[in-house]
Amino acid sequence: QAATCSFVQQMLPGRKIVLSGEVLGSRGTTTYEFRPFGPKTIVSATEVFAETTSDYRNYFISSSTERLLRVQLRGLKDYVEGIGHKSRATRI
């Protein structure tokens, strides 16, 4: 398990969020982009980390961030869909 502290570098509401931080001695940037797709929104997430001198550390960072991105995107999807359901229920 690794801890990281990220800072918002750029935010374009409804379009893009860019975070940067450091984990296990490697500096990284995460970019979330939001694109309208009919009545839905496609969210893409990209992580870029500087490689370290350790193959194991590079593997650990890569696999951990992939799992983290999946969990974050699933949480975002569930949250946004929950807002939509609550909104529809209050309008009825």
PDB file of N, CA and C in Angstrom:
ATOM      1  N   GLN A   1       0.844  -1.165   0.000  1.00  0.00           N
ATOM      2  CA  GLN A   1       0.000   0.000   0.000  1.00  0.00           C
ATOM      3  C   GLN A   1       0.896   1.237   0.000  1.00  0.00           C
ATOM      4  N   ALA A   2       0.513   2.234  -0.776  1.00  0.00           N
ATOM      5  CA  ALA A   2       1.296   3.460  -0.874  1.00  0.00           C
ATOM      6  C   ALA A   2       0.380   4.669  -0.704  1.00  0.00           C
ATOM      7  N   ALA A   3       0.875   5.675  -0.008  1.00  0.00           N
ATOM      8  CA  ALA A   3       0.103   6.909   0.180  1.00  0.00           C
ATOM      9  C   ALA A   3       0.611   7.958  -0.806  1.00  0.00           C
ATOM     10  N   THR A   4      -0.303   8.793  -1.242  1.00  0.00           N
ATOM     11  CA  THR A   4       0.067   9.880  -2.140  1.00  0.00           C
ATOM     12  C   THR A   4      -0.703  11.126  -1.745  1.00  0.00           C
ATOM     13  N   CYS A   5      -0.153  12.248  -2.047  1.00  0.00           N
ATOM     14  CA  CYS A   5      -0.814  13.528  -1.821  1.00  0.00           C
ATOM     15  C   CYS A   5      -0.835  14.247  -3.162  1.00  0.00           C
ATOM     16  N   SER A   6      -2.027  14.503  -3.656  1.00  0.00           N
ATOM     17  CA  SER A   6      -2.154  15.125  -4.979  1.00  0.00           C
ATOM     18  C   SER A   6      -2.621  16.567  -4.855  1.00  0.00           C
ATOM     19  N   PHE A   7      -2.239  17.371  -5.830  1.00  0.00           N
ATOM     20  CA  PHE A   7      -2.616  18.774  -5.887  1.00  0.00           C
ATOM     21  C   PHE A   7      -3.284  19.065  -7.223  1.00  0.00           C
ATOM     22  N   VAL A   8      -4.340  19.867  -7.178  1.00  0.00           N
ATOM     23  CA  VAL A   8      -5.031  20.247  -8.410  1.00  0.00           C
ATOM     24  C   VAL A   8      -4.160  21.240  -9.165  1.00  0.00           C
ATOM     25  N   GLN A   9      -3.834  20.914 -10.411  1.00  0.00           N
ATOM     26  CA  GLN A   9      -3.011  21.780 -11.247  1.00  0.00           C
ATOM     27  C   GLN A   9      -3.859  22.584 -12.231  1.00  0.00           C
ATOM     28  N   GLN A  10      -4.969  21.981 -12.645  1.00  0.00           N
ATOM     29  CA  GLN A  10      -5.846  22.652 -13.612  1.00  0.00           C
ATOM     30  C   GLN A  10      -7.256  22.114 -13.438  1.00  0.00           C
ATOM     31  N   MET A  11      -8.235  23.015 -13.537  1.00  0.00           N
ATOM     32  CA  MET A  11      -9.625  22.596 -13.495  1.00  0.00           C
ATOM     33  C   MET A  11     -10.437  23.435 -14.466  1.00  0.00           C
ATOM     34  N   LEU A  12     -11.045  22.748 -15.410  1.00  0.00           N
ATOM     35  CA  LEU A  12     -11.966  23.371 -16.348  1.00  0.00           C
ATOM     36  C   LEU A  12     -13.316  22.701 -16.089  1.00  0.00           C
ATOM     37  N   PRO A  13     -14.204  23.342 -15.310  1.00  0.00           N
ATOM     38  CA  PRO A  13     -15.452  22.701 -14.899  1.00  0.00           C
ATOM     39  C   PRO A  13     -16.195  22.045 -16.063  1.00  0.00           C
ATOM     40  N   GLY A  14     -16.554  20.775 -15.823  1.00  0.00           N
ATOM     41  CA  GLY A  14     -17.276  20.012 -16.830  1.00  0.00           C
ATOM     42  C   GLY A  14     -16.433  19.524 -17.984  1.00  0.00           C
ATOM     43  N   ARG A  15     -15.130  19.851 -17.988  1.00  0.00           N
ATOM     44  CA  ARG A  15     -14.274  19.456 -19.120  1.00  0.00           C
ATOM     45  C   ARG A  15     -13.026  18.694 -18.701  1.00  0.00           C
ATOM     46  N   LYS A  16     -12.299  19.199 -17.680  1.00  0.00           N
ATOM     47  CA  LYS A  16     -11.010  18.586 -17.372  1.00  0.00           C
ATOM     48  C   LYS A  16     -10.570  18.908 -15.941  1.00  0.00           C
ATOM     49  N   ILE A  17      -9.918  17.908 -15.299  1.00  0.00           N
ATOM     50  CA  ILE A  17      -9.259  18.098 -14.016  1.00  0.00           C
ATOM     51  C   ILE A  17      -7.878  17.468 -14.137  1.00  0.00           C
ATOM     52  N   VAL A  18      -6.835  18.208 -13.753  1.00  0.00           N
ATOM     53  CA  VAL A  18      -5.464  17.694 -13.788  1.00  0.00           C
ATOM     54  C   VAL A  18      -4.906  17.754 -12.367  1.00  0.00           C
ATOM     55  N   LEU A  19      -4.447  16.600 -11.871  1.00  0.00           N
ATOM     56  CA  LEU A  19      -3.845  16.497 -10.549  1.00  0.00           C
ATOM     57  C   LEU A  19      -2.395  16.066 -10.697  1.00  0.00           C
ATOM     58  N   SER A  20      -1.551  16.501  -9.780  1.00  0.00           N
ATOM     59  CA  SER A  20      -0.171  16.005  -9.776  1.00  0.00           C
ATOM     60  C   SER A  20       0.203  15.657  -8.345  1.00  0.00           C
ATOM     61  N   GLY A  21       1.133  14.725  -8.222  1.00  0.00           N
ATOM     62  CA  GLY A  21       1.573  14.305  -6.900  1.00  0.00           C
ATOM     63  C   GLY A  21       2.759  13.370  -7.003  1.00  0.00           C
ATOM     64  N   GLU A  22       3.113  12.794  -5.860  1.00  0.00           N
ATOM     65  CA  GLU A  22       4.256  11.897  -5.810  1.00  0.00           C
ATOM     66  C   GLU A  22       3.873  10.643  -5.040  1.00  0.00           C
ATOM     67  N   VAL A  23       4.301   9.512  -5.558  1.00  0.00           N
ATOM     68  CA  VAL A  23       4.100   8.240  -4.875  1.00  0.00           C
ATOM     69  C   VAL A  23       5.354   7.394  -5.053  1.00  0.00           C
ATOM     70  N   LEU A  24       5.828   6.833  -3.951  1.00  0.00           N
ATOM     71  CA  LEU A  24       7.029   5.986  -3.954  1.00  0.00           C
ATOM     72  C   LEU A  24       8.207   6.648  -4.663  1.00  0.00           C
ATOM     73  N   GLY A  25       8.355   7.938  -4.497  1.00  0.00           N
ATOM     74  CA  GLY A  25       9.482   8.651  -5.087  1.00  0.00           C
ATOM     75  C   GLY A  25       9.337   8.971  -6.560  1.00  0.00           C
ATOM     76  N   SER A  26       8.175   8.719  -7.139  1.00  0.00           N
ATOM     77  CA  SER A  26       7.959   9.003  -8.550  1.00  0.00           C
ATOM     78  C   SER A  26       6.885  10.072  -8.690  1.00  0.00           C
ATOM     79  N   ARG A  27       7.165  11.088  -9.463  1.00  0.00           N
ATOM     80  CA  ARG A  27       6.222  12.185  -9.688  1.00  0.00           C
ATOM     81  C   ARG A  27       5.236  11.785 -10.783  1.00  0.00           C
ATOM     82  N   GLY A  28       3.961  12.095 -10.561  1.00  0.00           N
ATOM     83  CA  GLY A  28       2.958  11.690 -11.537  1.00  0.00           C
ATOM     84  C   GLY A  28       1.891  12.737 -11.757  1.00  0.00           C
ATOM     85  N   THR A  29       1.187  12.581 -12.859  1.00  0.00           N
ATOM     86  CA  THR A  29       0.086  13.467 -13.219  1.00  0.00           C
ATOM     87  C   THR A  29      -1.104  12.607 -13.638  1.00  0.00           C
ATOM     88  N   THR A  30      -2.273  12.945 -13.115  1.00  0.00           N
ATOM     89  CA  THR A  30      -3.517  12.283 -13.489  1.00  0.00           C
ATOM     90  C   THR A  30      -4.410  13.316 -14.155  1.00  0.00           C
ATOM     91  N   THR A  31      -4.924  12.976 -15.325  1.00  0.00           N
ATOM     92  CA  THR A  31      -5.816  13.869 -16.058  1.00  0.00           C
ATOM     93  C   THR A  31      -7.157  13.181 -16.262  1.00  0.00           C
ATOM     94  N   TYR A  32      -8.222  13.857 -15.833  1.00  0.00           N
ATOM     95  CA  TYR A  32      -9.585  13.391 -16.063  1.00  0.00           C
ATOM     96  C   TYR A  32     -10.196  14.310 -17.109  1.00  0.00           C
ATOM     97  N   GLU A  33     -10.732  13.726 -18.168  1.00  0.00           N
ATOM     98  CA  GLU A  33     -11.396  14.520 -19.204  1.00  0.00           C
ATOM     99  C   GLU A  33     -12.840  14.052 -19.326  1.00  0.00           C
ATOM    100  N   PHE A  34     -13.748  15.019 -19.455  1.00  0.00           N
ATOM    101  CA  PHE A  34     -15.182  14.757 -19.541  1.00  0.00           C
ATOM    102  C   PHE A  34     -15.667  15.192 -20.917  1.00  0.00           C
ATOM    103  N   ARG A  35     -16.258  14.238 -21.678  1.00  0.00           N
ATOM    104  CA  ARG A  35     -16.756  14.551 -23.021  1.00  0.00           C
ATOM    105  C   ARG A  35     -18.218  14.159 -23.118  1.00  0.00           C
ATOM    106  N   PRO A  36     -19.056  15.111 -23.590  1.00  0.00           N
ATOM    107  CA  PRO A  36     -20.464  14.778 -23.781  1.00  0.00           C
ATOM    108  C   PRO A  36     -20.617  13.723 -24.872  1.00  0.00           C
ATOM    109  N   PHE A  37     -21.547  12.810 -24.650  1.00  0.00           N
ATOM    110  CA  PHE A  37     -21.832  11.756 -25.615  1.00  0.00           C
ATOM    111  C   PHE A  37     -23.336  11.528 -25.581  1.00  0.00           C
ATOM    112  N   GLY A  38     -24.064  12.341 -26.346  1.00  0.00           N
ATOM    113  CA  GLY A  38     -25.528  12.289 -26.300  1.00  0.00           C
ATOM    114  C   GLY A  38     -25.981  12.690 -24.906  1.00  0.00           C
ATOM    115  N   PRO A  39     -26.865  11.883 -24.281  1.00  0.00           N
ATOM    116  CA  PRO A  39     -27.338  12.221 -22.941  1.00  0.00           C
ATOM    117  C   PRO A  39     -26.353  11.799 -21.839  1.00  0.00           C
ATOM    118  N   LYS A  40     -25.239  11.198 -22.237  1.00  0.00           N
ATOM    119  CA  LYS A  40     -24.253  10.692 -21.272  1.00  0.00           C
ATOM    120  C   LYS A  40     -22.975  11.515 -21.334  1.00  0.00           C
ATOM    121  N   THR A  41     -22.073  11.225 -20.425  1.00  0.00           N
ATOM    122  CA  THR A  41     -20.745  11.841 -20.421  1.00  0.00           C
ATOM    123  C   THR A  41     -19.708  10.736 -20.350  1.00  0.00           C
ATOM    124  N   ILE A  42     -18.716  10.800 -21.217  1.00  0.00           N
ATOM    125  CA  ILE A  42     -17.607   9.851 -21.180  1.00  0.00           C
ATOM    126  C   ILE A  42     -16.490  10.488 -20.362  1.00  0.00           C
ATOM    127  N   VAL A  43     -16.018   9.750 -19.359  1.00  0.00           N
ATOM    128  CA  VAL A  43     -14.920  10.219 -18.523  1.00  0.00           C
ATOM    129  C   VAL A  43     -13.710   9.355 -18.838  1.00  0.00           C
ATOM    130  N   SER A  44     -12.611   9.994 -19.225  1.00  0.00           N
ATOM    131  CA  SER A  44     -11.368   9.249 -19.441  1.00  0.00           C
ATOM    132  C   SER A  44     -10.357   9.719 -18.412  1.00  0.00           C
ATOM    133  N   ALA A  45      -9.562   8.785 -17.951  1.00  0.00           N
ATOM    134  CA  ALA A  45      -8.531   9.092 -16.957  1.00  0.00           C
ATOM    135  C   ALA A  45      -7.198   8.581 -17.481  1.00  0.00           C
ATOM    136  N   THR A  46      -6.190   9.428 -17.367  1.00  0.00           N
ATOM    137  CA  THR A  46      -4.846   9.069 -17.818  1.00  0.00           C
ATOM    138  C   THR A  46      -3.863   9.349 -16.691  1.00  0.00           C
ATOM    139  N   GLU A  47      -3.019   8.374 -16.387  1.00  0.00           N
ATOM    140  CA  GLU A  47      -1.971   8.548 -15.379  1.00  0.00           C
ATOM    141  C   GLU A  47      -0.620   8.476 -16.073  1.00  0.00           C
ATOM    142  N   VAL A  48       0.234   9.417 -15.780  1.00  0.00           N
ATOM    143  CA  VAL A  48       1.596   9.401 -16.304  1.00  0.00           C
ATOM    144  C   VAL A  48       2.540   9.569 -15.126  1.00  0.00           C
ATOM    145  N   PHE A  49       3.431   8.596 -14.951  1.00  0.00           N
ATOM    146  CA  PHE A  49       4.424   8.656 -13.885  1.00  0.00           C
ATOM    147  C   PHE A  49       5.813   8.564 -14.479  1.00  0.00           C
ATOM    148  N   ALA A  50       6.741   9.296 -13.870  1.00  0.00           N
ATOM    149  CA  ALA A  50       8.145   9.184 -14.266  1.00  0.00           C
ATOM    150  C   ALA A  50       8.638   7.818 -13.796  1.00  0.00           C
ATOM    151  N   GLU A  51       9.326   7.102 -14.651  1.00  0.00           N
ATOM    152  CA  GLU A  51       9.837   5.792 -14.260  1.00  0.00           C
ATOM    153  C   GLU A  51      10.917   5.944 -13.201  1.00  0.00           C
ATOM    154  N   THR A  52      10.978   4.963 -12.317  1.00  0.00           N
ATOM    155  CA  THR A  52      12.011   4.936 -11.291  1.00  0.00           C
ATOM    156  C   THR A  52      13.102   3.961 -11.739  1.00  0.00           C
ATOM    157  N   THR A  53      14.124   3.821 -10.926  1.00  0.00           N
ATOM    158  CA  THR A  53      15.206   2.903 -11.265  1.00  0.00           C
ATOM    159  C   THR A  53      14.873   1.468 -10.889  1.00  0.00           C
ATOM    160  N   SER A  54      13.736   1.254 -10.260  1.00  0.00           N
ATOM    161  CA  SER A  54      13.347  -0.076  -9.813  1.00  0.00           C
ATOM    162  C   SER A  54      12.218  -0.628 -10.685  1.00  0.00           C
ATOM    163  N   ASP A  55      12.464  -1.768 -11.338  1.00  0.00           N
ATOM    164  CA  ASP A  55      11.413  -2.399 -12.142  1.00  0.00           C
ATOM    165  C   ASP A  55      10.218  -2.778 -11.269  1.00  0.00           C
ATOM    166  N   TYR A  56      10.489  -3.279 -10.043  1.00  0.00           N
ATOM    167  CA  TYR A  56       9.404  -3.649  -9.148  1.00  0.00           C
ATOM    168  C   TYR A  56       8.576  -2.412  -8.790  1.00  0.00           C
ATOM    169  N   ARG A  57       9.226  -1.307  -8.467  1.00  0.00           N
ATOM    170  CA  ARG A  57       8.509  -0.081  -8.108  1.00  0.00           C
ATOM    171  C   ARG A  57       7.677   0.418  -9.290  1.00  0.00           C
ATOM    172  N   ASN A  58       8.243   0.371 -10.502  1.00  0.00           N
ATOM    173  CA  ASN A  58       7.493   0.773 -11.698  1.00  0.00           C
ATOM    174  C   ASN A  58       6.257  -0.106 -11.878  1.00  0.00           C
ATOM    175  N   TYR A  59       6.410  -1.417 -11.702  1.00  0.00           N
ATOM    176  CA  TYR A  59       5.285  -2.341 -11.826  1.00  0.00           C
ATOM    177  C   TYR A  59       4.237  -2.044 -10.756  1.00  0.00           C
ATOM    178  N   PHE A  60       4.692  -1.850  -9.507  1.00  0.00           N
ATOM    179  CA  PHE A  60       3.778  -1.589  -8.399  1.00  0.00           C
ATOM    180  C   PHE A  60       2.989  -0.304  -8.640  1.00  0.00           C
ATOM    181  N   ILE A  61       3.670   0.753  -9.061  1.00  0.00           N
ATOM    182  CA  ILE A  61       2.995   2.027  -9.330  1.00  0.00           C
ATOM    183  C   ILE A  61       1.971   1.857 -10.450  1.00  0.00           C
ATOM    184  N   SER A  62       2.378   1.195 -11.523  1.00  0.00           N
ATOM    185  CA  SER A  62       1.487   1.004 -12.672  1.00  0.00           C
ATOM    186  C   SER A  62       0.244   0.201 -12.300  1.00  0.00           C
ATOM    187  N   SER A  63       0.424  -0.942 -11.660  1.00  0.00           N
ATOM    188  CA  SER A  63      -0.721  -1.785 -11.327  1.00  0.00           C
ATOM    189  C   SER A  63      -1.600  -1.136 -10.257  1.00  0.00           C
ATOM    190  N   SER A  64      -0.999  -0.459  -9.290  1.00  0.00           N
ATOM    191  CA  SER A  64      -1.781   0.193  -8.236  1.00  0.00           C
ATOM    192  C   SER A  64      -2.604   1.349  -8.790  1.00  0.00           C
ATOM    193  N   THR A  65      -2.008   2.153  -9.650  1.00  0.00           N
ATOM    194  CA  THR A  65      -2.756   3.293 -10.181  1.00  0.00           C
ATOM    195  C   THR A  65      -3.865   2.831 -11.114  1.00  0.00           C
ATOM    196  N   GLU A  66      -3.658   1.740 -11.833  1.00  0.00           N
ATOM    197  CA  GLU A  66      -4.729   1.221 -12.687  1.00  0.00           C
ATOM    198  C   GLU A  66      -5.915   0.782 -11.837  1.00  0.00           C
ATOM    199  N   ARG A  67      -5.655   0.062 -10.750  1.00  0.00           N
ATOM    200  CA  ARG A  67      -6.743  -0.355  -9.855  1.00  0.00           C
ATOM    201  C   ARG A  67      -7.421   0.857  -9.228  1.00  0.00           C
ATOM    202  N   LEU A  68      -6.639   1.832  -8.801  1.00  0.00           N
ATOM    203  CA  LEU A  68      -7.190   3.036  -8.188  1.00  0.00           C
ATOM    204  C   LEU A  68      -8.084   3.798  -9.167  1.00  0.00           C
ATOM    205  N   LEU A  69      -7.632   3.952 -10.409  1.00  0.00           N
ATOM    206  CA  LEU A  69      -8.441   4.655 -11.406  1.00  0.00           C
ATOM    207  C   LEU A  69      -9.763   3.941 -11.651  1.00  0.00           C
ATOM    208  N   ARG A  70      -9.734   2.616 -11.699  1.00  0.00           N
ATOM    209  CA  ARG A  70     -10.977   1.867 -11.897  1.00  0.00           C
ATOM    210  C   ARG A  70     -11.957   2.113 -10.745  1.00  0.00           C
ATOM    211  N   VAL A  71     -11.449   2.085  -9.512  1.00  0.00           N
ATOM    212  CA  VAL A  71     -12.295   2.315  -8.340  1.00  0.00           C
ATOM    213  C   VAL A  71     -12.834   3.741  -8.343  1.00  0.00           C
ATOM    214  N   GLN A  72     -11.969   4.714  -8.652  1.00  0.00           N
ATOM    215  CA  GLN A  72     -12.412   6.114  -8.680  1.00  0.00           C
ATOM    216  C   GLN A  72     -13.485   6.342  -9.739  1.00  0.00           C
ATOM    217  N   LEU A  73     -13.276   5.815 -10.927  1.00  0.00           N
ATOM    218  CA  LEU A  73     -14.255   6.015 -12.000  1.00  0.00           C
ATOM    219  C   LEU A  73     -15.576   5.306 -11.699  1.00  0.00           C
ATOM    220  N   ARG A  74     -15.508   4.125 -11.096  1.00  0.00           N
ATOM    221  CA  ARG A  74     -16.734   3.428 -10.713  1.00  0.00           C
ATOM    222  C   ARG A  74     -17.470   4.225  -9.630  1.00  0.00           C
ATOM    223  N   GLY A  75     -16.729   4.777  -8.665  1.00  0.00           N
ATOM    224  CA  GLY A  75     -17.332   5.608  -7.627  1.00  0.00           C
ATOM    225  C   GLY A  75     -17.957   6.869  -8.198  1.00  0.00           C
ATOM    226  N   LEU A  76     -17.267   7.512  -9.140  1.00  0.00           N
ATOM    227  CA  LEU A  76     -17.806   8.713  -9.787  1.00  0.00           C
ATOM    228  C   LEU A  76     -19.091   8.377 -10.535  1.00  0.00           C
ATOM    229  N   LYS A  77     -19.082   7.265 -11.268  1.00  0.00           N
ATOM    230  CA  LYS A  77     -20.268   6.840 -12.018  1.00  0.00           C
ATOM    231  C   LYS A  77     -21.440   6.597 -11.065  1.00  0.00           C
ATOM    232  N   ASP A  78     -21.198   5.849  -9.989  1.00  0.00           N
ATOM    233  CA  ASP A  78     -22.255   5.562  -9.027  1.00  0.00           C
ATOM    234  C   ASP A  78     -22.787   6.839  -8.385  1.00  0.00           C
ATOM    235  N   TYR A  79     -21.893   7.756  -8.047  1.00  0.00           N
ATOM    236  CA  TYR A  79     -22.294   9.021  -7.426  1.00  0.00           C
ATOM    237  C   TYR A  79     -23.165   9.845  -8.367  1.00  0.00           C
ATOM    238  N   VAL A  80     -22.711  10.007  -9.599  1.00  0.00           N
ATOM    239  CA  VAL A  80     -23.453  10.824 -10.565  1.00  0.00           C
ATOM    240  C   VAL A  80     -24.799  10.180 -10.887  1.00  0.00           C
ATOM    241  N   GLU A  81     -24.819   8.867 -11.063  1.00  0.00           N
ATOM    242  CA  GLU A  81     -26.088   8.198 -11.330  1.00  0.00           C
ATOM    243  C   GLU A  81     -27.025   8.323 -10.136  1.00  0.00           C
ATOM    244  N   GLY A  82     -26.495   8.296  -8.916  1.00  0.00           N
ATOM    245  CA  GLY A  82     -27.303   8.466  -7.717  1.00  0.00           C
ATOM    246  C   GLY A  82     -27.919   9.850  -7.649  1.00  0.00           C
ATOM    247  N   ILE A  83     -27.175  10.867  -8.058  1.00  0.00           N
ATOM    248  CA  ILE A  83     -27.702  12.234  -8.102  1.00  0.00           C
ATOM    249  C   ILE A  83     -28.864  12.298  -9.089  1.00  0.00           C
ATOM    250  N   GLY A  84     -28.701  11.678 -10.244  1.00  0.00           N
ATOM    251  CA  GLY A  84     -29.753  11.675 -11.255  1.00  0.00           C
ATOM    252  C   GLY A  84     -31.023  11.005 -10.755  1.00  0.00           C
ATOM    253  N   HIS A  85     -30.864   9.880 -10.041  1.00  0.00           N
ATOM    254  CA  HIS A  85     -32.032   9.186  -9.509  1.00  0.00           C
ATOM    255  C   HIS A  85     -32.730  10.021  -8.442  1.00  0.00           C
ATOM    256  N   LYS A  86     -31.958  10.675  -7.575  1.00  0.00           N
ATOM    257  CA  LYS A  86     -32.543  11.529  -6.533  1.00  0.00           C
ATOM    258  C   LYS A  86     -33.268  12.707  -7.163  1.00  0.00           C
ATOM    259  N   SER A  87     -32.663  13.290  -8.198  1.00  0.00           N
ATOM    260  CA  SER A  87     -33.258  14.432  -8.868  1.00  0.00           C
ATOM    261  C   SER A  87     -34.593  14.056  -9.507  1.00  0.00           C
ATOM    262  N   ARG A  88     -34.630  12.916 -10.175  1.00  0.00           N
ATOM    263  CA  ARG A  88     -35.869  12.450 -10.806  1.00  0.00           C
ATOM    264  C   ARG A  88     -36.939  12.153  -9.764  1.00  0.00           C
ATOM    265  N   ALA A  89     -36.539  11.600  -8.625  1.00  0.00           N
ATOM    266  CA  ALA A  89     -37.504  11.253  -7.588  1.00  0.00           C
ATOM    267  C   ALA A  89     -38.126  12.492  -6.959  1.00  0.00           C
ATOM    268  N   THR A  90     -37.380  13.567  -6.822  1.00  0.00           N
ATOM    269  CA  THR A  90     -37.922  14.777  -6.215  1.00  0.00           C
ATOM    270  C   THR A  90     -38.814  15.539  -7.184  1.00  0.00           C
ATOM    271  N   ARG A  91     -38.661  15.335  -8.487  1.00  0.00           N
ATOM    272  CA  ARG A  91     -39.488  16.024  -9.474  1.00  0.00           C
ATOM    273  C   ARG A  91     -40.857  15.378  -9.619  1.00  0.00           C
ATOM    274  N   ILE A  92     -40.978  14.139  -9.230  1.00  0.00           N
ATOM    275  CA  ILE A  92     -42.235  13.410  -9.451  1.00  0.00           C
ATOM    276  C   ILE A  92     -43.304  13.860  -8.494  1.00  0.00           C
TER     277      ILE A  92
END
